[in-house]
Amino acid sequence: MTATNELRLLPWRSPEDKPCYLSTDNPNGYMSRLADNVEAVQLGRAAALLEVVSKTLDDERADQMALRRLGHALTAALEEVLRVAISRGHLLAASEPHRI
């Protein structure tokens, strides 16, 4: 198992809305691959949302409700992307050799 400072932050939260972590020595294990796939889907959704944002903001006829929905979608996507970035940052830090 990995040391506690090398736990992987998973791209989902518990039913109690708490962060979930994975402790494993196998980056190719089932849960690691599942987390990688979920992260890929989340990043893909964020990329697709960027296209919608650009079109909506360029549309002078976009109403307040559309902009609010867009704001909520952007907030959710940003939370997911931030969680992926934190997780990947921790993975990178754990895999780098320690400098003395």
PDB file of N, CA and C in Angstrom:
ATOM      1  N   MET A   1       0.832  -1.194   0.000  1.00  0.00           N
ATOM      2  CA  MET A   1       0.000   0.000   0.000  1.00  0.00           C
ATOM      3  C   MET A   1       0.874   1.254   0.000  1.00  0.00           C
ATOM      4  N   THR A   2       0.295   2.349  -0.442  1.00  0.00           N
ATOM      5  CA  THR A   2       1.032   3.603  -0.483  1.00  0.00           C
ATOM      6  C   THR A   2       1.041   4.248   0.893  1.00  0.00           C
ATOM      7  N   ALA A   3       2.010   5.119   1.097  1.00  0.00           N
ATOM      8  CA  ALA A   3       2.052   5.881   2.347  1.00  0.00           C
ATOM      9  C   ALA A   3       0.890   6.864   2.364  1.00  0.00           C
ATOM     10  N   THR A   4       0.497   7.304   3.548  1.00  0.00           N
ATOM     11  CA  THR A   4      -0.668   8.188   3.645  1.00  0.00           C
ATOM     12  C   THR A   4      -0.501   9.474   2.863  1.00  0.00           C
ATOM     13  N   ASN A   5       0.739   9.945   2.707  1.00  0.00           N
ATOM     14  CA  ASN A   5       0.909  11.182   1.949  1.00  0.00           C
ATOM     15  C   ASN A   5       0.889  10.916   0.448  1.00  0.00           C
ATOM     16  N   GLU A   6       0.706   9.659   0.036  1.00  0.00           N
ATOM     17  CA  GLU A   6       0.652   9.307  -1.367  1.00  0.00           C
ATOM     18  C   GLU A   6      -0.721   8.787  -1.776  1.00  0.00           C
ATOM     19  N   LEU A   7      -1.725   9.039  -0.967  1.00  0.00           N
ATOM     20  CA  LEU A   7      -3.072   8.624  -1.326  1.00  0.00           C
ATOM     21  C   LEU A   7      -3.535   9.402  -2.546  1.00  0.00           C
ATOM     22  N   ARG A   8      -4.271   8.737  -3.399  1.00  0.00           N
ATOM     23  CA  ARG A   8      -4.795   9.401  -4.595  1.00  0.00           C
ATOM     24  C   ARG A   8      -6.186   9.941  -4.314  1.00  0.00           C
ATOM     25  N   LEU A   9      -6.357  11.220  -4.560  1.00  0.00           N
ATOM     26  CA  LEU A   9      -7.673  11.832  -4.457  1.00  0.00           C
ATOM     27  C   LEU A   9      -8.490  11.361  -5.650  1.00  0.00           C
ATOM     28  N   LEU A  10      -9.609  10.735  -5.381  1.00  0.00           N
ATOM     29  CA  LEU A  10     -10.448  10.206  -6.455  1.00  0.00           C
ATOM     30  C   LEU A  10     -11.356  11.301  -7.009  1.00  0.00           C
ATOM     31  N   PRO A  11     -11.792  11.145  -8.259  1.00  0.00           N
ATOM     32  CA  PRO A  11     -12.583  12.205  -8.912  1.00  0.00           C
ATOM     33  C   PRO A  11     -14.069  12.188  -8.559  1.00  0.00           C
ATOM     34  N   TRP A  12     -14.409  11.651  -7.425  1.00  0.00           N
ATOM     35  CA  TRP A  12     -15.797  11.671  -6.963  1.00  0.00           C
ATOM     36  C   TRP A  12     -15.786  11.848  -5.455  1.00  0.00           C
ATOM     37  N   ARG A  13     -16.941  12.176  -4.921  1.00  0.00           N
ATOM     38  CA  ARG A  13     -17.085  12.384  -3.481  1.00  0.00           C
ATOM     39  C   ARG A  13     -17.994  11.306  -2.907  1.00  0.00           C
ATOM     40  N   SER A  14     -17.913  11.120  -1.611  1.00  0.00           N
ATOM     41  CA  SER A  14     -18.742  10.130  -0.930  1.00  0.00           C
ATOM     42  C   SER A  14     -20.189  10.624  -0.880  1.00  0.00           C
ATOM     43  N   PRO A  15     -21.139   9.741  -0.532  1.00  0.00           N
ATOM     44  CA  PRO A  15     -22.532  10.182  -0.378  1.00  0.00           C
ATOM     45  C   PRO A  15     -22.673  11.283   0.684  1.00  0.00           C
ATOM     46  N   GLU A  16     -21.711  11.346   1.614  1.00  0.00           N
ATOM     47  CA  GLU A  16     -21.731  12.399   2.641  1.00  0.00           C
ATOM     48  C   GLU A  16     -20.999  13.649   2.158  1.00  0.00           C
ATOM     49  N   ASP A  17     -20.645  13.694   0.865  1.00  0.00           N
ATOM     50  CA  ASP A  17     -19.965  14.820   0.232  1.00  0.00           C
ATOM     51  C   ASP A  17     -18.555  15.034   0.773  1.00  0.00           C
ATOM     52  N   LYS A  18     -17.890  13.930   1.125  1.00  0.00           N
ATOM     53  CA  LYS A  18     -16.503  13.993   1.592  1.00  0.00           C
ATOM     54  C   LYS A  18     -15.588  13.465   0.498  1.00  0.00           C
ATOM     55  N   PRO A  19     -14.331  13.915   0.471  1.00  0.00           N
ATOM     56  CA  PRO A  19     -13.405  13.417  -0.546  1.00  0.00           C
ATOM     57  C   PRO A  19     -13.134  11.925  -0.347  1.00  0.00           C
ATOM     58  N   CYS A  20     -12.881  11.246  -1.448  1.00  0.00           N
ATOM     59  CA  CYS A  20     -12.541   9.818  -1.423  1.00  0.00           C
ATOM     60  C   CYS A  20     -11.096   9.664  -1.881  1.00  0.00           C
ATOM     61  N   TYR A  21     -10.395   8.735  -1.265  1.00  0.00           N
ATOM     62  CA  TYR A  21      -8.989   8.501  -1.583  1.00  0.00           C
ATOM     63  C   TYR A  21      -8.760   7.031  -1.885  1.00  0.00           C
ATOM     64  N   LEU A  22      -7.715   6.775  -2.656  1.00  0.00           N
ATOM     65  CA  LEU A  22      -7.327   5.415  -3.018  1.00  0.00           C
ATOM     66  C   LEU A  22      -5.908   5.173  -2.552  1.00  0.00           C
ATOM     67  N   SER A  23      -5.693   4.055  -1.887  1.00  0.00           N
ATOM     68  CA  SER A  23      -4.368   3.635  -1.470  1.00  0.00           C
ATOM     69  C   SER A  23      -4.044   2.337  -2.193  1.00  0.00           C
ATOM     70  N   THR A  24      -3.088   2.397  -3.118  1.00  0.00           N
ATOM     71  CA  THR A  24      -2.701   1.203  -3.859  1.00  0.00           C
ATOM     72  C   THR A  24      -1.293   1.367  -4.413  1.00  0.00           C
ATOM     73  N   ASP A  25      -0.613   0.259  -4.586  1.00  0.00           N
ATOM     74  CA  ASP A  25       0.701   0.264  -5.234  1.00  0.00           C
ATOM     75  C   ASP A  25       0.574   0.000  -6.724  1.00  0.00           C
ATOM     76  N   ASN A  26      -0.638  -0.268  -7.187  1.00  0.00           N
ATOM     77  CA  ASN A  26      -0.844  -0.665  -8.576  1.00  0.00           C
ATOM     78  C   ASN A  26      -1.573   0.432  -9.354  1.00  0.00           C
ATOM     79  N   PRO A  27      -0.830   1.239 -10.123  1.00  0.00           N
ATOM     80  CA  PRO A  27      -1.487   2.296 -10.898  1.00  0.00           C
ATOM     81  C   PRO A  27      -2.329   1.746 -12.050  1.00  0.00           C
ATOM     82  N   ASN A  28      -2.229   0.460 -12.326  1.00  0.00           N
ATOM     83  CA  ASN A  28      -3.025  -0.166 -13.387  1.00  0.00           C
ATOM     84  C   ASN A  28      -4.148  -1.036 -12.836  1.00  0.00           C
ATOM     85  N   GLY A  29      -4.395  -0.946 -11.535  1.00  0.00           N
ATOM     86  CA  GLY A  29      -5.471  -1.713 -10.926  1.00  0.00           C
ATOM     87  C   GLY A  29      -6.839  -1.190 -11.345  1.00  0.00           C
ATOM     88  N   TYR A  30      -7.859  -1.962 -11.013  1.00  0.00           N
ATOM     89  CA  TYR A  30      -9.223  -1.631 -11.420  1.00  0.00           C
ATOM     90  C   TYR A  30      -9.628  -0.224 -10.965  1.00  0.00           C
ATOM     91  N   MET A  31      -9.429   0.091  -9.689  1.00  0.00           N
ATOM     92  CA  MET A  31      -9.878   1.393  -9.164  1.00  0.00           C
ATOM     93  C   MET A  31      -9.062   2.534  -9.763  1.00  0.00           C
ATOM     94  N   SER A  32      -7.772   2.314  -9.983  1.00  0.00           N
ATOM     95  CA  SER A  32      -6.955   3.356 -10.610  1.00  0.00           C
ATOM     96  C   SER A  32      -7.431   3.617 -12.033  1.00  0.00           C
ATOM     97  N   ARG A  33      -7.708   2.560 -12.782  1.00  0.00           N
ATOM     98  CA  ARG A  33      -8.191   2.721 -14.157  1.00  0.00           C
ATOM     99  C   ARG A  33      -9.572   3.374 -14.165  1.00  0.00           C
ATOM    100  N   LEU A  34     -10.439   2.977 -13.238  1.00  0.00           N
ATOM    101  CA  LEU A  34     -11.766   3.588 -13.137  1.00  0.00           C
ATOM    102  C   LEU A  34     -11.637   5.094 -12.866  1.00  0.00           C
ATOM    103  N   ALA A  35     -10.767   5.460 -11.931  1.00  0.00           N
ATOM    104  CA  ALA A  35     -10.560   6.874 -11.623  1.00  0.00           C
ATOM    105  C   ALA A  35     -10.007   7.608 -12.846  1.00  0.00           C
ATOM    106  N   ASP A  36      -9.061   6.998 -13.560  1.00  0.00           N
ATOM    107  CA  ASP A  36      -8.521   7.613 -14.781  1.00  0.00           C
ATOM    108  C   ASP A  36      -9.626   7.848 -15.802  1.00  0.00           C
ATOM    109  N   ASN A  37     -10.505   6.867 -15.972  1.00  0.00           N
ATOM    110  CA  ASN A  37     -11.601   6.992 -16.939  1.00  0.00           C
ATOM    111  C   ASN A  37     -12.590   8.082 -16.528  1.00  0.00           C
ATOM    112  N   VAL A  38     -12.928   8.144 -15.250  1.00  0.00           N
ATOM    113  CA  VAL A  38     -13.851   9.178 -14.770  1.00  0.00           C
ATOM    114  C   VAL A  38     -13.220  10.557 -14.966  1.00  0.00           C
ATOM    115  N   GLU A  39     -11.928  10.683 -14.657  1.00  0.00           N
ATOM    116  CA  GLU A  39     -11.248  11.963 -14.871  1.00  0.00           C
ATOM    117  C   GLU A  39     -11.278  12.360 -16.343  1.00  0.00           C
ATOM    118  N   ALA A  40     -11.049  11.397 -17.225  1.00  0.00           N
ATOM    119  CA  ALA A  40     -11.069  11.690 -18.665  1.00  0.00           C
ATOM    120  C   ALA A  40     -12.447  12.188 -19.098  1.00  0.00           C
ATOM    121  N   VAL A  41     -13.500  11.569 -18.582  1.00  0.00           N
ATOM    122  CA  VAL A  41     -14.865  12.003 -18.902  1.00  0.00           C
ATOM    123  C   VAL A  41     -15.099  13.419 -18.370  1.00  0.00           C
ATOM    124  N   GLN A  42     -14.675  13.679 -17.147  1.00  0.00           N
ATOM    125  CA  GLN A  42     -14.865  14.998 -16.551  1.00  0.00           C
ATOM    126  C   GLN A  42     -14.122  16.074 -17.348  1.00  0.00           C
ATOM    127  N   LEU A  43     -12.891  15.791 -17.742  1.00  0.00           N
ATOM    128  CA  LEU A  43     -12.122  16.761 -18.524  1.00  0.00           C
ATOM    129  C   LEU A  43     -12.742  16.961 -19.900  1.00  0.00           C
ATOM    130  N   GLY A  44     -13.266  15.896 -20.484  1.00  0.00           N
ATOM    131  CA  GLY A  44     -13.951  16.002 -21.774  1.00  0.00           C
ATOM    132  C   GLY A  44     -15.204  16.854 -21.684  1.00  0.00           C
ATOM    133  N   ARG A  45     -15.956  16.678 -20.608  1.00  0.00           N
ATOM    134  CA  ARG A  45     -17.161  17.494 -20.397  1.00  0.00           C
ATOM    135  C   ARG A  45     -16.794  18.957 -20.251  1.00  0.00           C
ATOM    136  N   ALA A  46     -15.723  19.239 -19.529  1.00  0.00           N
ATOM    137  CA  ALA A  46     -15.292  20.624 -19.344  1.00  0.00           C
ATOM    138  C   ALA A  46     -14.881  21.241 -20.684  1.00  0.00           C
ATOM    139  N   ALA A  47     -14.180  20.480 -21.508  1.00  0.00           N
ATOM    140  CA  ALA A  47     -13.766  20.977 -22.827  1.00  0.00           C
ATOM    141  C   ALA A  47     -14.985  21.274 -23.695  1.00  0.00           C
ATOM    142  N   ALA A  48     -15.963  20.379 -23.671  1.00  0.00           N
ATOM    143  CA  ALA A  48     -17.176  20.591 -24.461  1.00  0.00           C
ATOM    144  C   ALA A  48     -17.944  21.806 -23.942  1.00  0.00           C
ATOM    145  N   LEU A  49     -17.963  21.985 -22.641  1.00  0.00           N
ATOM    146  CA  LEU A  49     -18.663  23.118 -22.039  1.00  0.00           C
ATOM    147  C   LEU A  49     -18.029  24.441 -22.463  1.00  0.00           C
ATOM    148  N   LEU A  50     -16.724  24.462 -22.626  1.00  0.00           N
ATOM    149  CA  LEU A  50     -16.054  25.685 -23.080  1.00  0.00           C
ATOM    150  C   LEU A  50     -16.588  26.148 -24.431  1.00  0.00           C
ATOM    151  N   GLU A  51     -16.875  25.203 -25.308  1.00  0.00           N
ATOM    152  CA  GLU A  51     -17.437  25.552 -26.615  1.00  0.00           C
ATOM    153  C   GLU A  51     -18.818  26.178 -26.454  1.00  0.00           C
ATOM    154  N   VAL A  52     -19.620  25.599 -25.576  1.00  0.00           N
ATOM    155  CA  VAL A  52     -20.969  26.132 -25.328  1.00  0.00           C
ATOM    156  C   VAL A  52     -20.867  27.529 -24.725  1.00  0.00           C
ATOM    157  N   VAL A  53     -19.938  27.708 -23.797  1.00  0.00           N
ATOM    158  CA  VAL A  53     -19.762  29.008 -23.149  1.00  0.00           C
ATOM    159  C   VAL A  53     -19.442  30.076 -24.184  1.00  0.00           C
ATOM    160  N   SER A  54     -18.489  29.783 -25.065  1.00  0.00           N
ATOM    161  CA  SER A  54     -18.107  30.759 -26.083  1.00  0.00           C
ATOM    162  C   SER A  54     -19.293  31.150 -26.948  1.00  0.00           C
ATOM    163  N   LYS A  55     -20.059  30.172 -27.392  1.00  0.00           N
ATOM    164  CA  LYS A  55     -21.217  30.458 -28.243  1.00  0.00           C
ATOM    165  C   LYS A  55     -22.284  31.238 -27.488  1.00  0.00           C
ATOM    166  N   THR A  56     -22.534  30.847 -26.244  1.00  0.00           N
ATOM    167  CA  THR A  56     -23.578  31.515 -25.460  1.00  0.00           C
ATOM    168  C   THR A  56     -23.201  32.954 -25.151  1.00  0.00           C
ATOM    169  N   LEU A  57     -21.952  33.173 -24.778  1.00  0.00           N
ATOM    170  CA  LEU A  57     -21.531  34.542 -24.457  1.00  0.00           C
ATOM    171  C   LEU A  57     -21.501  35.434 -25.689  1.00  0.00           C
ATOM    172  N   ASP A  58     -21.281  34.846 -26.861  1.00  0.00           N
ATOM    173  CA  ASP A  58     -21.304  35.627 -28.098  1.00  0.00           C
ATOM    174  C   ASP A  58     -22.730  35.925 -28.578  1.00  0.00           C
ATOM    175  N   ASP A  59     -23.699  35.188 -28.038  1.00  0.00           N
ATOM    176  CA  ASP A  59     -25.097  35.346 -28.443  1.00  0.00           C
ATOM    177  C   ASP A  59     -25.736  36.484 -27.647  1.00  0.00           C
ATOM    178  N   GLU A  60     -25.989  37.592 -28.303  1.00  0.00           N
ATOM    179  CA  GLU A  60     -26.573  38.748 -27.628  1.00  0.00           C
ATOM    180  C   GLU A  60     -28.007  38.479 -27.167  1.00  0.00           C
ATOM    181  N   ARG A  61     -28.627  37.433 -27.718  1.00  0.00           N
ATOM    182  CA  ARG A  61     -30.008  37.117 -27.345  1.00  0.00           C
ATOM    183  C   ARG A  61     -30.087  36.154 -26.159  1.00  0.00           C
ATOM    184  N   ALA A  62     -28.928  35.701 -25.640  1.00  0.00           N
ATOM    185  CA  ALA A  62     -28.935  34.770 -24.503  1.00  0.00           C
ATOM    186  C   ALA A  62     -29.618  35.440 -23.313  1.00  0.00           C
ATOM    187  N   ASP A  63     -30.590  34.749 -22.741  1.00  0.00           N
ATOM    188  CA  ASP A  63     -31.322  35.343 -21.626  1.00  0.00           C
ATOM    189  C   ASP A  63     -30.647  35.031 -20.284  1.00  0.00           C
ATOM    190  N   GLN A  64     -31.157  35.663 -19.264  1.00  0.00           N
ATOM    191  CA  GLN A  64     -30.584  35.527 -17.929  1.00  0.00           C
ATOM    192  C   GLN A  64     -30.621  34.080 -17.450  1.00  0.00           C
ATOM    193  N   MET A  65     -31.685  33.356 -17.729  1.00  0.00           N
ATOM    194  CA  MET A  65     -31.798  31.967 -17.280  1.00  0.00           C
ATOM    195  C   MET A  65     -30.717  31.105 -17.934  1.00  0.00           C
ATOM    196  N   ALA A  66     -30.482  31.303 -19.216  1.00  0.00           N
ATOM    197  CA  ALA A  66     -29.440  30.539 -19.916  1.00  0.00           C
ATOM    198  C   ALA A  66     -28.070  30.840 -19.324  1.00  0.00           C
ATOM    199  N   LEU A  67     -27.830  32.086 -19.011  1.00  0.00           N
ATOM    200  CA  LEU A  67     -26.547  32.463 -18.426  1.00  0.00           C
ATOM    201  C   LEU A  67     -26.385  31.902 -17.013  1.00  0.00           C
ATOM    202  N   ARG A  68     -27.473  31.851 -16.260  1.00  0.00           N
ATOM    203  CA  ARG A  68     -27.411  31.250 -14.913  1.00  0.00           C
ATOM    204  C   ARG A  68     -27.134  29.762 -14.990  1.00  0.00           C
ATOM    205  N   ARG A  69     -27.829  29.063 -15.900  1.00  0.00           N
ATOM    206  CA  ARG A  69     -27.578  27.626 -16.086  1.00  0.00           C
ATOM    207  C   ARG A  69     -26.128  27.393 -16.483  1.00  0.00           C
ATOM    208  N   LEU A  70     -25.646  28.237 -17.363  1.00  0.00           N
ATOM    209  CA  LEU A  70     -24.261  28.145 -17.808  1.00  0.00           C
ATOM    210  C   LEU A  70     -23.302  28.366 -16.635  1.00  0.00           C
ATOM    211  N   GLY A  71     -23.601  29.328 -15.798  1.00  0.00           N
ATOM    212  CA  GLY A  71     -22.772  29.581 -14.617  1.00  0.00           C
ATOM    213  C   GLY A  71     -22.725  28.396 -13.683  1.00  0.00           C
ATOM    214  N   HIS A  72     -23.874  27.749 -13.467  1.00  0.00           N
ATOM    215  CA  HIS A  72     -23.916  26.560 -12.611  1.00  0.00           C
ATOM    216  C   HIS A  72     -23.124  25.414 -13.235  1.00  0.00           C
ATOM    217  N   ALA A  73     -23.259  25.228 -14.538  1.00  0.00           N
ATOM    218  CA  ALA A  73     -22.520  24.167 -15.226  1.00  0.00           C
ATOM    219  C   ALA A  73     -21.018  24.427 -15.166  1.00  0.00           C
ATOM    220  N   LEU A  74     -20.630  25.686 -15.342  1.00  0.00           N
ATOM    221  CA  LEU A  74     -19.211  26.039 -15.257  1.00  0.00           C
ATOM    222  C   LEU A  74     -18.661  25.791 -13.855  1.00  0.00           C
ATOM    223  N   THR A  75     -19.437  26.117 -12.840  1.00  0.00           N
ATOM    224  CA  THR A  75     -19.007  25.896 -11.461  1.00  0.00           C
ATOM    225  C   THR A  75     -18.781  24.409 -11.205  1.00  0.00           C
ATOM    226  N   ALA A  76     -19.712  23.571 -11.638  1.00  0.00           N
ATOM    227  CA  ALA A  76     -19.567  22.126 -11.447  1.00  0.00           C
ATOM    228  C   ALA A  76     -18.359  21.593 -12.206  1.00  0.00           C
ATOM    229  N   ALA A  77     -18.174  22.048 -13.431  1.00  0.00           N
ATOM    230  CA  ALA A  77     -17.038  21.585 -14.234  1.00  0.00           C
ATOM    231  C   ALA A  77     -15.720  22.034 -13.613  1.00  0.00           C
ATOM    232  N   LEU A  78     -15.684  23.260 -13.119  1.00  0.00           N
ATOM    233  CA  LEU A  78     -14.462  23.762 -12.503  1.00  0.00           C
ATOM    234  C   LEU A  78     -14.116  22.973 -11.241  1.00  0.00           C
ATOM    235  N   GLU A  79     -15.119  22.619 -10.459  1.00  0.00           N
ATOM    236  CA  GLU A  79     -14.877  21.793  -9.272  1.00  0.00           C
ATOM    237  C   GLU A  79     -14.261  20.447  -9.665  1.00  0.00           C
ATOM    238  N   GLU A  80     -14.797  19.829 -10.721  1.00  0.00           N
ATOM    239  CA  GLU A  80     -14.272  18.539 -11.175  1.00  0.00           C
ATOM    240  C   GLU A  80     -12.850  18.675 -11.705  1.00  0.00           C
ATOM    241  N   VAL A  81     -12.601  19.687 -12.514  1.00  0.00           N
ATOM    242  CA  VAL A  81     -11.268  19.884 -13.095  1.00  0.00           C
ATOM    243  C   VAL A  81     -10.258  20.204 -11.992  1.00  0.00           C
ATOM    244  N   LEU A  82     -10.659  20.994 -11.016  1.00  0.00           N
ATOM    245  CA  LEU A  82      -9.769  21.306  -9.904  1.00  0.00           C
ATOM    246  C   LEU A  82      -9.421  20.039  -9.124  1.00  0.00           C
ATOM    247  N   ARG A  83     -10.401  19.174  -8.885  1.00  0.00           N
ATOM    248  CA  ARG A  83     -10.146  17.920  -8.177  1.00  0.00           C
ATOM    249  C   ARG A  83      -9.165  17.063  -8.964  1.00  0.00           C
ATOM    250  N   VAL A  84      -9.316  17.005 -10.291  1.00  0.00           N
ATOM    251  CA  VAL A  84      -8.387  16.249 -11.135  1.00  0.00           C
ATOM    252  C   VAL A  84      -6.988  16.856 -11.027  1.00  0.00           C
ATOM    253  N   ALA A  85      -6.898  18.181 -11.094  1.00  0.00           N
ATOM    254  CA  ALA A  85      -5.591  18.844 -11.021  1.00  0.00           C
ATOM    255  C   ALA A  85      -4.911  18.575  -9.682  1.00  0.00           C
ATOM    256  N   ILE A  86      -5.663  18.637  -8.607  1.00  0.00           N
ATOM    257  CA  ILE A  86      -5.094  18.359  -7.283  1.00  0.00           C
ATOM    258  C   ILE A  86      -4.620  16.914  -7.223  1.00  0.00           C
ATOM    259  N   SER A  87      -5.449  15.994  -7.692  1.00  0.00           N
ATOM    260  CA  SER A  87      -5.083  14.585  -7.679  1.00  0.00           C
ATOM    261  C   SER A  87      -3.827  14.343  -8.501  1.00  0.00           C
ATOM    262  N   ARG A  88      -3.802  14.877  -9.707  1.00  0.00           N
ATOM    263  CA  ARG A  88      -2.632  14.688 -10.587  1.00  0.00           C
ATOM    264  C   ARG A  88      -1.399  15.349  -9.988  1.00  0.00           C
ATOM    265  N   GLY A  89      -1.576  16.504  -9.364  1.00  0.00           N
ATOM    266  CA  GLY A  89      -0.448  17.178  -8.723  1.00  0.00           C
ATOM    267  C   GLY A  89       0.137  16.347  -7.601  1.00  0.00           C
ATOM    268  N   HIS A  90      -0.738  15.726  -6.810  1.00  0.00           N
ATOM    269  CA  HIS A  90      -0.268  14.858  -5.733  1.00  0.00           C
ATOM    270  C   HIS A  90       0.430  13.636  -6.311  1.00  0.00           C
ATOM    271  N   LEU A  91      -0.106  13.074  -7.393  1.00  0.00           N
ATOM    272  CA  LEU A  91       0.533  11.913  -8.015  1.00  0.00           C
ATOM    273  C   LEU A  91       1.911  12.280  -8.548  1.00  0.00           C
ATOM    274  N   LEU A  92       2.019  13.445  -9.168  1.00  0.00           N
ATOM    275  CA  LEU A  92       3.318  13.881  -9.688  1.00  0.00           C
ATOM    276  C   LEU A  92       4.305  14.109  -8.548  1.00  0.00           C
ATOM    277  N   ALA A  93       3.862  14.754  -7.481  1.00  0.00           N
ATOM    278  CA  ALA A  93       4.746  15.022  -6.358  1.00  0.00           C
ATOM    279  C   ALA A  93       5.217  13.726  -5.699  1.00  0.00           C
ATOM    280  N   ALA A  94       4.322  12.744  -5.635  1.00  0.00           N
ATOM    281  CA  ALA A  94       4.679  11.473  -5.005  1.00  0.00           C
ATOM    282  C   ALA A  94       5.663  10.674  -5.862  1.00  0.00           C
ATOM    283  N   SER A  95       5.629  10.882  -7.181  1.00  0.00           N
ATOM    284  CA  SER A  95       6.493  10.101  -8.060  1.00  0.00           C
ATOM    285  C   SER A  95       7.836  10.770  -8.307  1.00  0.00           C
ATOM    286  N   GLU A  96       7.973  12.060  -7.944  1.00  0.00           N
ATOM    287  CA  GLU A  96       9.237  12.753  -8.159  1.00  0.00           C
ATOM    288  C   GLU A  96      10.240  12.312  -7.105  1.00  0.00           C
ATOM    289  N   PRO A  97      11.509  12.208  -7.497  1.00  0.00           N
ATOM    290  CA  PRO A  97      12.528  11.885  -6.499  1.00  0.00           C
ATOM    291  C   PRO A  97      12.655  13.030  -5.487  1.00  0.00           C
ATOM    292  N   HIS A  98      12.884  12.668  -4.256  1.00  0.00           N
ATOM    293  CA  HIS A  98      13.023  13.690  -3.212  1.00  0.00           C
ATOM    294  C   HIS A  98      14.385  14.352  -3.322  1.00  0.00           C
ATOM    295  N   ARG A  99      14.384  15.660  -3.329  1.00  0.00           N
ATOM    296  CA  ARG A  99      15.645  16.406  -3.394  1.00  0.00           C
ATOM    297  C   ARG A  99      16.140  16.677  -1.992  1.00  0.00           C
ATOM    298  N   ILE A 100      17.420  16.568  -1.820  1.00  0.00           N
ATOM    299  CA  ILE A 100      18.019  16.819  -0.497  1.00  0.00           C
ATOM    300  C   ILE A 100      18.837  18.084  -0.550  1.00  0.00           C
TER     301      ILE A 100
END
